[in-house]
């Protein structure tokens, strides 16, 4: 009898977790995602209960070098290709927002060619820069804090 009561408590707790987890589910229809990639947009900006953001990113050309003090970028390339430089030192770096630095380029970084299907993890504090883009380059970024 004690085993049955304990088992019922576990099942009841699992059901409660499912109910509260269901409230946290977020979903976007394919047309919303396509519209976000057409211009490059934030799909989910995060809130006080989460430690992540999701971006539908699009690049037509190179961007600025950047460093995120707190956010790790997890990138999945959907289309196009680029030369991504990581590490090294940001040239002419300036703080553009809290915990964010932008600059013109990266000195002494490691360059790699990225293309459709590639996954890249850029830890927080790591300079990174899309030096050349054979675009449009489309990619998901999950930013984890």
N, C-alpha and C. Protein backbone atom coordinates (compact mmCIF):
# COMPACT_ATOMS: atom_id res chain seq x y z
N UNK A 1 0.82 -1.19 0.00
CA UNK A 1 0.00 0.00 0.00
C UNK A 1 0.87 1.26 0.00
N UNK A 2 1.94 1.25 0.80
CA UNK A 2 2.84 2.41 0.84
C UNK A 2 3.47 2.65 -0.52
N UNK A 3 3.83 1.57 -1.23
CA UNK A 3 4.43 1.68 -2.56
C UNK A 3 3.44 2.30 -3.54
N UNK A 4 2.18 1.90 -3.47
CA UNK A 4 1.14 2.45 -4.34
C UNK A 4 0.95 3.94 -4.08
N UNK A 5 0.96 4.33 -2.82
CA UNK A 5 0.79 5.75 -2.47
C UNK A 5 1.98 6.56 -2.98
N UNK A 6 3.19 6.01 -2.80
CA UNK A 6 4.38 6.70 -3.28
C UNK A 6 4.35 6.83 -4.80
N UNK A 7 3.95 5.76 -5.50
CA UNK A 7 3.85 5.79 -6.96
C UNK A 7 2.82 6.80 -7.43
N UNK A 8 1.70 6.87 -6.74
CA UNK A 8 0.66 7.84 -7.11
C UNK A 8 1.18 9.26 -6.94
N UNK A 9 2.00 9.48 -5.92
CA UNK A 9 2.58 10.81 -5.71
C UNK A 9 3.53 11.20 -6.83
N UNK A 10 4.31 10.24 -7.32
CA UNK A 10 5.22 10.51 -8.43
C UNK A 10 4.44 10.84 -9.69
N UNK A 11 3.42 10.07 -10.01
CA UNK A 11 2.61 10.32 -11.19
C UNK A 11 1.92 11.67 -11.07
N UNK A 12 1.38 11.97 -9.91
CA UNK A 12 0.71 13.25 -9.70
C UNK A 12 1.69 14.40 -9.90
N UNK A 13 2.90 14.27 -9.39
CA UNK A 13 3.92 15.30 -9.56
C UNK A 13 4.31 15.45 -11.02
N UNK A 14 4.41 14.34 -11.77
CA UNK A 14 4.74 14.39 -13.19
C UNK A 14 3.63 15.10 -13.96
N UNK A 15 2.39 14.83 -13.59
CA UNK A 15 1.28 15.49 -14.27
C UNK A 15 1.31 16.99 -13.99
N UNK A 16 1.63 17.37 -12.77
CA UNK A 16 1.71 18.80 -12.44
C UNK A 16 2.82 19.46 -13.24
N UNK A 17 3.97 18.79 -13.37
CA UNK A 17 5.07 19.35 -14.14
C UNK A 17 4.65 19.53 -15.59
N UNK A 18 3.90 18.60 -16.14
CA UNK A 18 3.46 18.71 -17.53
C UNK A 18 2.55 19.90 -17.73
N UNK A 19 1.67 20.16 -16.78
CA UNK A 19 0.76 21.29 -16.89
C UNK A 19 1.54 22.59 -16.87
N UNK A 20 2.46 22.76 -15.93
CA UNK A 20 3.21 24.01 -15.86
C UNK A 20 4.17 24.15 -17.04
N UNK A 21 4.77 23.04 -17.50
CA UNK A 21 5.65 23.10 -18.66
C UNK A 21 4.88 23.49 -19.92
N UNK A 22 3.66 23.05 -20.05
CA UNK A 22 2.85 23.36 -21.23
C UNK A 22 2.63 24.86 -21.36
N UNK A 23 2.54 25.57 -20.25
CA UNK A 23 2.34 27.01 -20.28
C UNK A 23 3.57 27.73 -20.83
N UNK A 24 4.73 27.10 -20.79
CA UNK A 24 5.98 27.71 -21.26
C UNK A 24 6.26 27.44 -22.74
N UNK A 25 5.46 26.60 -23.37
CA UNK A 25 5.69 26.26 -24.78
C UNK A 25 5.43 27.49 -25.64
N UNK A 26 6.35 27.74 -26.57
CA UNK A 26 6.20 28.83 -27.51
C UNK A 26 6.29 28.24 -28.91
N UNK A 27 5.48 28.76 -29.83
CA UNK A 27 5.46 28.21 -31.19
C UNK A 27 5.22 29.32 -32.20
N UNK A 28 5.82 29.17 -33.37
CA UNK A 28 5.66 30.09 -34.47
C UNK A 28 5.28 29.30 -35.71
N UNK A 29 4.31 29.77 -36.43
CA UNK A 29 3.88 29.15 -37.69
C UNK A 29 4.94 29.42 -38.76
N UNK A 30 4.97 28.57 -39.77
CA UNK A 30 6.00 28.67 -40.81
C UNK A 30 5.99 30.03 -41.50
N UNK A 31 4.82 30.63 -41.71
CA UNK A 31 4.78 31.94 -42.37
C UNK A 31 5.41 33.03 -41.49
N UNK A 32 5.27 32.92 -40.17
CA UNK A 32 5.89 33.87 -39.25
C UNK A 32 7.42 33.71 -39.27
N UNK A 33 7.87 32.46 -39.32
CA UNK A 33 9.31 32.20 -39.37
C UNK A 33 9.89 32.70 -40.68
N UNK A 34 9.20 32.43 -41.79
CA UNK A 34 9.67 32.89 -43.10
C UNK A 34 9.76 34.41 -43.13
N UNK A 35 8.78 35.10 -42.58
CA UNK A 35 8.79 36.56 -42.53
C UNK A 35 9.97 37.06 -41.69
N UNK A 36 10.27 36.39 -40.60
CA UNK A 36 11.38 36.78 -39.74
C UNK A 36 12.71 36.62 -40.48
N UNK A 37 12.88 35.52 -41.22
CA UNK A 37 14.12 35.30 -41.97
C UNK A 37 14.24 36.24 -43.16
N UNK A 38 13.13 36.69 -43.72
CA UNK A 38 13.16 37.59 -44.87
C UNK A 38 13.85 38.91 -44.53
N UNK A 39 13.73 39.35 -43.28
CA UNK A 39 14.35 40.61 -42.89
C UNK A 39 15.39 40.45 -41.79
N UNK A 40 15.44 39.28 -41.16
CA UNK A 40 16.29 39.08 -40.00
C UNK A 40 15.61 39.68 -38.79
N UNK A 41 15.15 38.85 -37.88
CA UNK A 41 14.38 39.35 -36.74
C UNK A 41 14.53 38.44 -35.53
N UNK A 42 14.20 38.98 -34.38
CA UNK A 42 14.18 38.22 -33.14
C UNK A 42 12.85 37.47 -33.08
N UNK A 43 12.90 36.15 -32.98
CA UNK A 43 11.68 35.37 -32.81
C UNK A 43 11.22 35.41 -31.35
N UNK A 44 12.19 35.25 -30.45
CA UNK A 44 11.85 35.24 -29.03
C UNK A 44 12.93 36.01 -28.29
N UNK A 45 12.55 37.08 -27.62
CA UNK A 45 13.51 37.95 -26.94
C UNK A 45 13.78 37.54 -25.50
N UNK A 46 13.15 36.47 -25.04
CA UNK A 46 13.36 36.03 -23.67
C UNK A 46 12.45 36.77 -22.70
N UNK A 47 12.43 36.29 -21.48
CA UNK A 47 11.67 36.94 -20.42
C UNK A 47 12.33 36.60 -19.09
N UNK A 48 11.72 36.97 -18.00
CA UNK A 48 12.33 36.77 -16.68
C UNK A 48 12.39 35.30 -16.28
N UNK A 49 11.65 34.43 -16.96
CA UNK A 49 11.63 33.00 -16.60
C UNK A 49 12.56 32.15 -17.46
N UNK A 50 13.20 32.74 -18.47
CA UNK A 50 14.06 31.96 -19.36
C UNK A 50 15.46 32.56 -19.42
N UNK A 51 16.41 31.76 -19.86
CA UNK A 51 17.78 32.22 -20.01
C UNK A 51 18.24 32.13 -21.47
N UNK A 52 17.30 32.28 -22.41
CA UNK A 52 17.65 32.16 -23.82
C UNK A 52 16.81 33.10 -24.66
N UNK A 53 17.32 33.35 -25.88
CA UNK A 53 16.60 34.11 -26.92
C UNK A 53 16.77 33.32 -28.21
N UNK A 54 15.89 33.55 -29.18
CA UNK A 54 15.99 32.89 -30.48
C UNK A 54 15.88 33.95 -31.56
N UNK A 55 16.88 33.98 -32.45
CA UNK A 55 16.90 34.94 -33.54
C UNK A 55 16.80 34.20 -34.88
N UNK A 56 16.04 34.76 -35.80
CA UNK A 56 16.01 34.31 -37.20
C UNK A 56 16.89 35.31 -37.94
N UNK A 57 18.14 34.97 -38.10
CA UNK A 57 19.12 35.95 -38.60
C UNK A 57 19.32 35.86 -40.10
N UNK A 58 19.59 37.00 -40.69
CA UNK A 58 19.84 37.10 -42.13
C UNK A 58 20.94 38.14 -42.34
N UNK A 59 21.92 37.77 -43.12
CA UNK A 59 23.00 38.70 -43.47
C UNK A 59 23.16 38.70 -44.99
N UNK A 60 23.30 39.90 -45.53
CA UNK A 60 23.56 40.07 -46.96
C UNK A 60 25.04 40.40 -47.18
N UNK A 61 25.71 40.82 -46.12
CA UNK A 61 27.12 41.20 -46.21
C UNK A 61 27.75 41.08 -44.84
N UNK A 62 29.03 41.44 -44.75
CA UNK A 62 29.72 41.34 -43.46
C UNK A 62 29.12 42.29 -42.44
N UNK A 63 29.32 41.96 -41.21
CA UNK A 63 28.82 42.81 -40.13
C UNK A 63 29.97 43.35 -39.32
N UNK A 64 29.64 43.85 -38.17
CA UNK A 64 30.66 44.33 -37.25
C UNK A 64 31.16 43.15 -36.41
N UNK A 65 32.37 43.26 -35.95
CA UNK A 65 32.88 42.29 -34.98
C UNK A 65 32.12 42.52 -33.68
N UNK A 66 31.88 41.46 -32.94
CA UNK A 66 31.11 41.62 -31.70
C UNK A 66 31.58 40.66 -30.61
N UNK A 67 31.30 41.06 -29.39
CA UNK A 67 31.57 40.23 -28.22
C UNK A 67 30.36 40.37 -27.30
N UNK A 68 29.80 39.24 -26.88
CA UNK A 68 28.71 39.22 -25.91
C UNK A 68 29.29 38.74 -24.59
N UNK A 69 29.29 39.58 -23.57
CA UNK A 69 29.87 39.22 -22.29
C UNK A 69 29.12 38.08 -21.62
N UNK A 70 27.80 38.01 -21.80
CA UNK A 70 27.00 37.00 -21.10
C UNK A 70 26.37 35.94 -21.99
N UNK A 71 26.17 36.23 -23.27
CA UNK A 71 25.43 35.32 -24.14
C UNK A 71 26.35 34.41 -24.94
N UNK A 72 26.06 33.10 -24.89
CA UNK A 72 26.69 32.14 -25.78
C UNK A 72 25.78 32.01 -27.00
N UNK A 73 26.35 32.08 -28.21
CA UNK A 73 25.58 31.95 -29.44
C UNK A 73 25.69 30.52 -29.95
N UNK A 74 24.55 29.89 -30.17
CA UNK A 74 24.49 28.58 -30.82
C UNK A 74 23.85 28.82 -32.17
N UNK A 75 24.62 28.62 -33.23
CA UNK A 75 24.21 28.97 -34.58
C UNK A 75 23.98 27.72 -35.41
N UNK A 76 22.86 27.70 -36.15
CA UNK A 76 22.58 26.65 -37.13
C UNK A 76 22.35 27.34 -38.46
N UNK A 77 23.23 27.06 -39.44
CA UNK A 77 23.17 27.72 -40.74
C UNK A 77 22.14 27.03 -41.63
N UNK A 78 21.19 27.83 -42.12
CA UNK A 78 20.13 27.31 -43.00
C UNK A 78 20.44 27.48 -44.47
N UNK A 79 21.12 28.56 -44.83
CA UNK A 79 21.42 28.81 -46.24
C UNK A 79 22.53 29.82 -46.40
N UNK A 80 23.18 29.77 -47.56
CA UNK A 80 24.30 30.66 -47.85
C UNK A 80 25.57 30.15 -47.20
N UNK A 81 26.60 30.97 -47.27
CA UNK A 81 27.88 30.61 -46.65
C UNK A 81 28.58 31.90 -46.25
N UNK A 82 29.59 31.75 -45.42
CA UNK A 82 30.31 32.93 -44.93
C UNK A 82 31.68 32.52 -44.40
N UNK A 83 32.53 33.50 -44.29
CA UNK A 83 33.80 33.34 -43.59
C UNK A 83 33.59 33.95 -42.21
N UNK A 84 33.64 33.11 -41.18
CA UNK A 84 33.43 33.52 -39.80
C UNK A 84 34.77 33.53 -39.08
N UNK A 85 35.10 34.64 -38.46
CA UNK A 85 36.34 34.77 -37.70
C UNK A 85 35.97 34.79 -36.23
N UNK A 86 36.66 33.97 -35.43
CA UNK A 86 36.42 33.92 -33.99
C UNK A 86 37.73 34.05 -33.23
N UNK A 87 37.62 34.50 -31.98
CA UNK A 87 38.81 34.68 -31.16
C UNK A 87 39.53 35.96 -31.53
N UNK A 88 40.78 36.06 -31.15
CA UNK A 88 41.56 37.26 -31.46
C UNK A 88 41.12 38.46 -30.65
N UNK A 89 41.34 39.63 -31.24
CA UNK A 89 41.04 40.89 -30.57
C UNK A 89 40.16 41.76 -31.46
N UNK A 90 39.12 42.34 -30.89
CA UNK A 90 38.25 43.24 -31.64
C UNK A 90 38.99 44.55 -31.90
N UNK A 91 39.01 44.98 -33.16
CA UNK A 91 39.65 46.23 -33.55
C UNK A 91 38.65 47.37 -33.38
N UNK A 92 39.08 48.46 -32.74
CA UNK A 92 38.26 49.65 -32.51
C UNK A 92 36.97 49.31 -31.78
N UNK A 93 37.08 48.43 -30.79
CA UNK A 93 35.91 47.99 -30.03
C UNK A 93 35.34 49.08 -29.14
N UNK A 94 34.00 49.16 -29.14
CA UNK A 94 33.29 50.11 -28.29
C UNK A 94 32.09 49.41 -27.67
N UNK A 95 31.79 49.76 -26.43
CA UNK A 95 30.60 49.23 -25.77
C UNK A 95 29.38 49.88 -26.41
N UNK A 96 28.49 49.04 -26.97
CA UNK A 96 27.30 49.55 -27.65
C UNK A 96 26.03 49.33 -26.85
N UNK A 97 26.10 48.46 -25.87
CA UNK A 97 24.97 48.17 -24.99
C UNK A 97 25.55 47.48 -23.76
N UNK A 98 24.75 47.25 -22.76
CA UNK A 98 25.22 46.55 -21.57
C UNK A 98 25.74 45.18 -21.98
N UNK A 99 26.98 44.89 -21.62
CA UNK A 99 27.62 43.60 -21.89
C UNK A 99 27.79 43.29 -23.37
N UNK A 100 27.82 44.31 -24.23
CA UNK A 100 27.98 44.13 -25.68
C UNK A 100 29.06 45.07 -26.21
N UNK A 101 29.98 44.51 -26.99
CA UNK A 101 31.04 45.30 -27.62
C UNK A 101 30.96 45.06 -29.12
N UNK A 102 31.15 46.14 -29.91
CA UNK A 102 31.19 46.05 -31.36
C UNK A 102 32.46 46.75 -31.84
N UNK A 103 33.00 46.25 -32.96
CA UNK A 103 34.19 46.85 -33.55
C UNK A 103 34.20 46.65 -35.04
N UNK A 104 35.24 47.14 -35.69
CA UNK A 104 35.32 47.11 -37.15
C UNK A 104 35.76 45.77 -37.72
N UNK A 105 36.57 45.02 -36.96
CA UNK A 105 37.09 43.74 -37.44
C UNK A 105 37.72 42.99 -36.27
N UNK A 106 38.37 41.88 -36.60
CA UNK A 106 39.08 41.09 -35.58
C UNK A 106 40.51 40.90 -36.05
N UNK A 107 41.45 41.11 -35.13
CA UNK A 107 42.86 40.90 -35.40
C UNK A 107 43.29 39.57 -34.78
N UNK A 108 44.00 38.76 -35.54
CA UNK A 108 44.57 37.47 -35.11
C UNK A 108 43.52 36.44 -34.67
N UNK A 109 42.36 36.46 -35.30
CA UNK A 109 41.35 35.45 -35.00
C UNK A 109 41.51 34.23 -35.90
N UNK A 110 40.71 33.22 -35.63
CA UNK A 110 40.71 32.00 -36.45
C UNK A 110 39.55 32.09 -37.45
N UNK A 111 39.86 31.98 -38.73
CA UNK A 111 38.84 32.05 -39.77
C UNK A 111 38.41 30.65 -40.18
N UNK A 112 37.11 30.51 -40.42
CA UNK A 112 36.57 29.24 -40.92
C UNK A 112 35.44 29.53 -41.88
N UNK A 113 35.30 28.70 -42.88
CA UNK A 113 34.19 28.82 -43.82
C UNK A 113 33.01 28.06 -43.23
N UNK A 114 31.83 28.69 -43.21
CA UNK A 114 30.63 28.02 -42.72
C UNK A 114 29.60 27.99 -43.84
N UNK A 115 28.74 26.98 -43.83
CA UNK A 115 27.74 26.81 -44.89
C UNK A 115 26.54 26.06 -44.35
N UNK A 116 25.54 25.93 -45.20
CA UNK A 116 24.29 25.27 -44.86
C UNK A 116 24.53 23.95 -44.11
N UNK A 117 23.81 23.81 -43.00
CA UNK A 117 23.90 22.59 -42.19
C UNK A 117 24.91 22.65 -41.07
N UNK A 118 25.79 23.64 -41.09
CA UNK A 118 26.81 23.75 -40.05
C UNK A 118 26.20 24.26 -38.74
N UNK A 119 26.78 23.80 -37.64
CA UNK A 119 26.42 24.28 -36.30
C UNK A 119 27.69 24.82 -35.66
N UNK A 120 27.57 26.01 -35.09
CA UNK A 120 28.72 26.65 -34.46
C UNK A 120 28.28 27.11 -33.07
N UNK A 121 29.12 26.87 -32.07
CA UNK A 121 28.88 27.38 -30.72
C UNK A 121 29.97 28.39 -30.41
N UNK A 122 29.55 29.62 -30.13
CA UNK A 122 30.49 30.68 -29.80
C UNK A 122 30.26 31.05 -28.34
N UNK A 123 31.17 30.61 -27.45
CA UNK A 123 31.00 30.89 -26.02
C UNK A 123 30.98 32.38 -25.72
N UNK A 124 30.27 32.75 -24.65
CA UNK A 124 30.25 34.15 -24.24
C UNK A 124 31.68 34.63 -24.03
N UNK A 125 31.90 35.91 -24.33
CA UNK A 125 33.22 36.51 -24.20
C UNK A 125 34.13 36.28 -25.39
N UNK A 126 33.70 35.53 -26.39
CA UNK A 126 34.52 35.23 -27.56
C UNK A 126 34.21 36.20 -28.69
N UNK A 127 35.20 36.96 -29.16
CA UNK A 127 34.96 37.83 -30.31
C UNK A 127 34.57 36.99 -31.54
N UNK A 128 33.64 37.53 -32.34
CA UNK A 128 33.26 36.85 -33.59
C UNK A 128 32.82 37.88 -34.62
N UNK A 129 33.01 37.50 -35.90
CA UNK A 129 32.80 38.46 -36.99
C UNK A 129 32.55 37.71 -38.28
N UNK A 130 31.47 38.06 -38.95
CA UNK A 130 31.22 37.53 -40.28
C UNK A 130 31.99 38.42 -41.25
N UNK A 131 33.20 37.99 -41.60
CA UNK A 131 34.11 38.81 -42.41
C UNK A 131 33.63 38.91 -43.86
N UNK A 132 33.21 37.79 -44.43
CA UNK A 132 32.68 37.76 -45.79
C UNK A 132 31.42 36.93 -45.79
N UNK A 133 30.43 37.38 -46.55
CA UNK A 133 29.17 36.65 -46.64
C UNK A 133 28.84 36.40 -48.10
N UNK A 134 28.61 35.13 -48.42
CA UNK A 134 28.12 34.74 -49.74
C UNK A 134 26.65 34.46 -49.54
N UNK A 135 25.87 35.48 -49.70
CA UNK A 135 24.51 35.42 -49.19
C UNK A 135 23.44 35.33 -50.22
N UNK A 136 22.26 35.44 -49.66
CA UNK A 136 22.05 35.76 -48.26
C UNK A 136 22.39 34.58 -47.35
N UNK A 137 22.92 34.91 -46.19
CA UNK A 137 23.23 33.92 -45.16
C UNK A 137 22.06 33.95 -44.18
N UNK A 138 21.39 32.81 -44.03
CA UNK A 138 20.31 32.70 -43.04
C UNK A 138 20.69 31.67 -42.00
N UNK A 139 20.40 32.00 -40.74
CA UNK A 139 20.79 31.11 -39.66
C UNK A 139 19.98 31.40 -38.40
N UNK A 140 19.68 30.33 -37.67
CA UNK A 140 19.08 30.47 -36.34
C UNK A 140 20.20 30.74 -35.36
N UNK A 141 19.93 31.60 -34.41
CA UNK A 141 20.85 31.77 -33.29
C UNK A 141 20.02 31.59 -32.01
N UNK A 142 20.44 30.65 -31.19
CA UNK A 142 19.89 30.54 -29.85
C UNK A 142 20.94 31.16 -28.94
N UNK A 143 20.56 32.23 -28.27
CA UNK A 143 21.45 32.93 -27.34
C UNK A 143 21.13 32.45 -25.94
N UNK A 144 22.11 31.84 -25.30
CA UNK A 144 21.92 31.28 -23.96
C UNK A 144 22.72 32.11 -22.98
N UNK A 145 22.03 32.52 -21.92
CA UNK A 145 22.68 33.35 -20.90
C UNK A 145 22.88 32.54 -19.65
